[in-house]
């Protein structure tokens, strides 16, 4: 019995007409799945990049604050501060004890001025921190940045402090100077530690997850 090629052609044509939409659907599914995978990868890379920037900025800010609050004020710092203040014609009319406090205050203003980049980095990264990781991370960065302002306000108040209110004076000095000792309260140090811990809680797992695993022995 001979083969009916016309019938066979019709059958193959029918199979082809069925296979075409299936192939299109499979291709569409593969394409969509590939796009989703690509998008997830890009989002993960974005989170990783920003987590690294945020954590780096936080560590730099902590170091900058420690430098501002260093208890030792060097002679060159005091000399530079005094030269700045002497530019004011009224300087010579100020009492000597207040001059000394003003010199100390100015030395802190100079230190703070050198930390502007670290402060600006924290401020610049806050919106993306909130967008990617939520308000808790944004608040931790804001709290950390706020400590620079606290030091500045207390350093300015120190210039006018006559020492009559001992508790007030001690409070100013605790914020201005960090002794590094657990024996004495350090409100700013505690705030910094709390903010850094919160930032690490969010950022470190992301960075560690992306790190290559150690080879097994």
Protein backbone atom coordinates (compact mmCIF):
# COMPACT_ATOMS: atom_id res chain seq x y z
CA UNK A 1 0.00 0.00 0.00
CA UNK A 2 1.53 3.34 -1.02
CA UNK A 3 1.99 6.34 1.26
CA UNK A 4 -0.53 9.09 0.93
CA UNK A 5 1.92 12.00 0.93
CA UNK A 6 -0.80 14.56 0.63
CA UNK A 7 -2.43 13.27 3.79
CA UNK A 8 0.93 13.13 5.54
CA UNK A 9 1.63 16.70 4.56
CA UNK A 10 -1.71 17.77 5.89
CA UNK A 11 -1.01 15.99 9.20
CA UNK A 12 2.42 17.56 9.57
CA UNK A 13 0.97 20.92 8.76
CA UNK A 14 -1.57 20.42 11.52
CA UNK A 15 1.16 19.45 13.99
CA UNK A 16 3.12 22.51 12.97
CA UNK A 17 0.16 24.77 13.53
CA UNK A 18 -0.20 23.38 17.06
CA UNK A 19 3.53 23.46 17.84
CA UNK A 20 3.96 27.10 16.83
CA UNK A 21 1.89 28.66 19.63
CA UNK A 22 3.47 26.22 22.12
CA UNK A 23 6.94 27.30 21.02
CA UNK A 24 5.91 30.94 21.29
CA UNK A 25 4.52 30.36 24.78
CA UNK A 26 7.66 28.51 25.89
CA UNK A 27 9.88 31.25 24.48
CA UNK A 28 7.77 33.88 26.23
CA UNK A 29 8.00 31.99 29.53
CA UNK A 30 11.75 31.56 29.23
CA UNK A 31 12.14 35.24 28.34
CA UNK A 32 10.00 36.38 31.26
CA UNK A 33 11.82 34.07 33.66
CA UNK A 34 15.18 35.30 32.41
CA UNK A 35 14.06 38.90 32.85
CA UNK A 36 12.89 38.22 36.40
CA UNK A 37 16.20 36.59 37.24
CA UNK A 38 18.10 39.51 35.70
CA UNK A 39 15.95 42.00 37.61
CA UNK A 40 16.46 40.16 40.92
CA UNK A 41 20.19 40.12 40.29
CA UNK A 42 20.26 43.85 39.58
CA UNK A 43 18.23 44.60 42.71
CA UNK A 44 20.56 42.44 44.79
CA UNK A 45 23.57 44.22 43.30
CA UNK A 46 21.97 47.56 44.09
CA UNK A 47 21.35 46.54 47.70
CA UNK A 48 24.90 45.27 48.02
CA UNK A 49 26.40 48.44 46.57
CA UNK A 50 24.39 50.77 48.79
CA UNK A 51 24.87 48.65 51.92
CA UNK A 52 28.63 48.89 51.41
CA UNK A 53 28.48 52.66 50.89
CA UNK A 54 26.26 53.17 53.94
CA UNK A 55 28.39 51.02 56.25
CA UNK A 56 31.59 52.67 55.03
CA UNK A 57 30.11 56.13 55.61
CA UNK A 58 29.01 55.11 59.11
CA UNK A 59 32.46 53.82 60.05
CA UNK A 60 34.13 56.95 58.69
CA UNK A 61 31.69 59.14 60.65
CA UNK A 62 32.41 57.22 63.85
CA UNK A 63 36.15 57.70 63.32
CA UNK A 64 35.65 61.40 62.55
CA UNK A 65 33.63 61.91 65.73
CA UNK A 66 36.33 60.17 67.75
CA UNK A 67 38.91 62.55 66.30
CA UNK A 68 36.74 65.58 67.09
CA UNK A 69 36.22 64.40 70.67
CA UNK A 70 39.83 63.41 71.32
CA UNK A 71 40.65 64.71 74.84
CA UNK A 72 44.12 65.90 73.87
CA UNK A 73 44.14 69.29 72.17
CA UNK A 74 47.51 69.87 70.55
CA UNK A 75 49.43 73.14 70.75
CA UNK A 76 49.21 73.72 67.01
CA UNK A 77 45.41 73.41 67.19
CA UNK A 78 45.19 76.00 69.94
CA UNK A 79 47.59 78.29 68.10
CA UNK A 80 45.56 78.10 64.88
CA UNK A 81 42.34 78.73 66.81
CA UNK A 82 43.83 81.75 68.54
CA UNK A 83 45.06 83.24 65.27
CA UNK A 84 41.54 82.95 63.86
CA UNK A 85 40.02 84.69 66.88
CA UNK A 86 42.61 87.46 66.92
CA UNK A 87 41.26 88.64 63.59
CA UNK A 88 38.29 90.07 65.52
CA UNK A 89 39.09 93.65 66.68
CA UNK A 90 37.20 92.98 69.93
CA UNK A 91 39.49 90.12 70.88
CA UNK A 92 41.78 92.26 73.03
CA UNK A 93 38.83 93.46 75.12
CA UNK A 94 37.76 89.95 76.17
CA UNK A 95 38.72 88.69 79.62
CA UNK A 96 41.60 86.23 79.63
CA UNK A 97 39.66 83.32 81.13
CA UNK A 98 36.99 83.65 78.47
CA UNK A 99 39.65 83.96 75.79
CA UNK A 100 40.98 80.56 76.81
CA UNK A 101 37.50 79.02 76.59
CA UNK A 102 36.95 80.67 73.21
CA UNK A 103 40.24 79.25 71.94
CA UNK A 104 39.16 75.78 73.02
CA UNK A 105 35.77 76.25 71.36
CA UNK A 106 37.38 77.47 68.14
CA UNK A 107 39.70 74.46 68.08
CA UNK A 108 36.58 72.26 68.16
CA UNK A 109 34.99 74.27 65.37
CA UNK A 110 38.13 73.68 63.31
CA UNK A 111 37.98 69.96 64.02
CA UNK A 112 34.31 69.82 63.08
CA UNK A 113 34.99 71.71 59.86
CA UNK A 114 37.34 68.90 58.84
CA UNK A 115 34.51 66.36 59.18
CA UNK A 116 32.11 68.03 56.74
CA UNK A 117 32.66 65.35 54.09
CA UNK A 118 31.75 62.57 56.53
CA UNK A 119 28.64 64.43 57.63
CA UNK A 120 27.59 65.11 54.05
CA UNK A 121 28.07 61.44 53.10
CA UNK A 122 25.67 60.36 55.85
CA UNK A 123 23.16 63.01 54.84
CA UNK A 124 23.40 62.12 51.14
CA UNK A 125 22.85 58.40 51.74
CA UNK A 126 19.84 58.73 54.05
CA UNK A 127 17.17 58.86 51.30
CA UNK A 128 18.44 55.72 49.54
CA UNK A 129 18.80 53.99 52.91
CA UNK A 130 15.12 54.58 53.58
CA UNK A 131 14.09 53.61 50.05
CA UNK A 132 16.00 50.32 49.98
CA UNK A 133 16.14 49.26 53.63
CA UNK A 134 13.42 51.14 55.50
CA UNK A 135 13.02 53.97 58.03
CA UNK A 136 14.97 52.28 60.84
CA UNK A 137 18.22 52.46 58.90
CA UNK A 138 17.54 56.04 57.89
CA UNK A 139 16.93 56.97 61.55
CA UNK A 140 20.14 55.26 62.69
CA UNK A 141 22.13 57.28 60.16
CA UNK A 142 20.33 60.46 61.19
CA UNK A 143 21.08 59.77 64.87
CA UNK A 144 24.75 59.21 64.07
CA UNK A 145 24.96 62.43 62.08
CA UNK A 146 23.16 64.31 64.87
CA UNK A 147 26.05 63.70 67.25
CA UNK A 148 28.25 66.12 65.29
CA UNK A 149 25.66 68.81 65.96
CA UNK A 150 25.53 67.96 69.68
CA UNK A 151 29.30 68.35 69.97
CA UNK A 152 29.13 71.69 68.15
CA UNK A 153 26.36 73.07 70.36
CA UNK A 154 28.12 72.03 73.56
CA UNK A 155 31.47 73.38 72.37
CA UNK A 156 29.79 76.73 71.66
CA UNK A 157 28.14 76.67 75.10
CA UNK A 158 31.51 75.92 76.70
CA UNK A 159 32.79 79.36 75.61
CA UNK A 160 30.19 81.04 77.85
CA UNK A 161 30.32 78.55 80.72
CA UNK A 162 31.64 80.21 83.87
CA UNK A 163 31.63 76.98 85.88
CA UNK A 164 28.95 78.09 88.36
CA UNK A 165 26.74 75.11 87.50
CA UNK A 166 29.04 72.15 87.99
CA UNK A 167 26.56 69.60 86.66
CA UNK A 168 26.10 71.65 83.48
CA UNK A 169 29.87 72.00 83.05
CA UNK A 170 30.43 68.27 83.50
CA UNK A 171 27.71 67.55 80.94
CA UNK A 172 29.36 69.82 78.38
CA UNK A 173 32.74 68.24 78.87
CA UNK A 174 31.41 64.70 78.65
CA UNK A 175 29.98 65.50 75.25
CA UNK A 176 33.03 67.40 74.05
CA UNK A 177 35.67 64.95 75.25
CA UNK A 178 35.68 61.20 75.02
CA UNK A 179 37.80 59.63 77.74
CA UNK A 180 37.40 56.15 76.32
CA UNK A 181 36.80 54.88 79.85
CA UNK A 182 33.75 52.87 80.91
CA UNK A 183 34.13 54.40 84.36
CA UNK A 184 32.55 57.68 83.24
CA UNK A 185 29.27 58.14 81.34
CA UNK A 186 29.68 58.99 77.66
CA UNK A 187 26.24 59.91 76.25
CA UNK A 188 27.51 60.62 72.74
CA UNK A 189 29.63 57.48 72.69
CA UNK A 190 26.55 55.45 73.67
CA UNK A 191 24.49 57.05 70.90
CA UNK A 192 27.20 56.38 68.35
CA UNK A 193 27.49 52.72 69.40
CA UNK A 194 23.72 52.31 69.24
CA UNK A 195 23.52 53.85 65.75
CA UNK A 196 26.44 51.80 64.43
CA UNK A 197 24.93 48.59 65.82
CA UNK A 198 21.63 49.33 64.06
CA UNK A 199 23.37 50.10 60.77
CA UNK A 200 25.45 46.93 61.02
CA UNK A 201 22.34 44.88 61.76
CA UNK A 202 20.93 45.85 58.37
CA UNK A 203 24.05 46.08 56.21
CA UNK A 204 26.43 43.39 57.43
CA UNK A 205 24.20 40.39 56.56
CA UNK A 206 23.88 41.70 52.99
CA UNK A 207 27.64 42.10 52.63
CA UNK A 208 28.43 38.75 54.26
CA UNK A 209 25.88 36.94 52.11
CA UNK A 210 27.68 38.18 49.02
CA UNK A 211 31.13 37.14 50.26
CA UNK A 212 32.55 33.95 48.76
CA UNK A 213 32.23 31.00 51.09
CA UNK A 214 35.40 29.54 52.57
CA UNK A 215 36.56 26.29 50.95
CA UNK A 216 35.87 23.21 53.00
CA UNK A 217 38.85 21.21 54.19
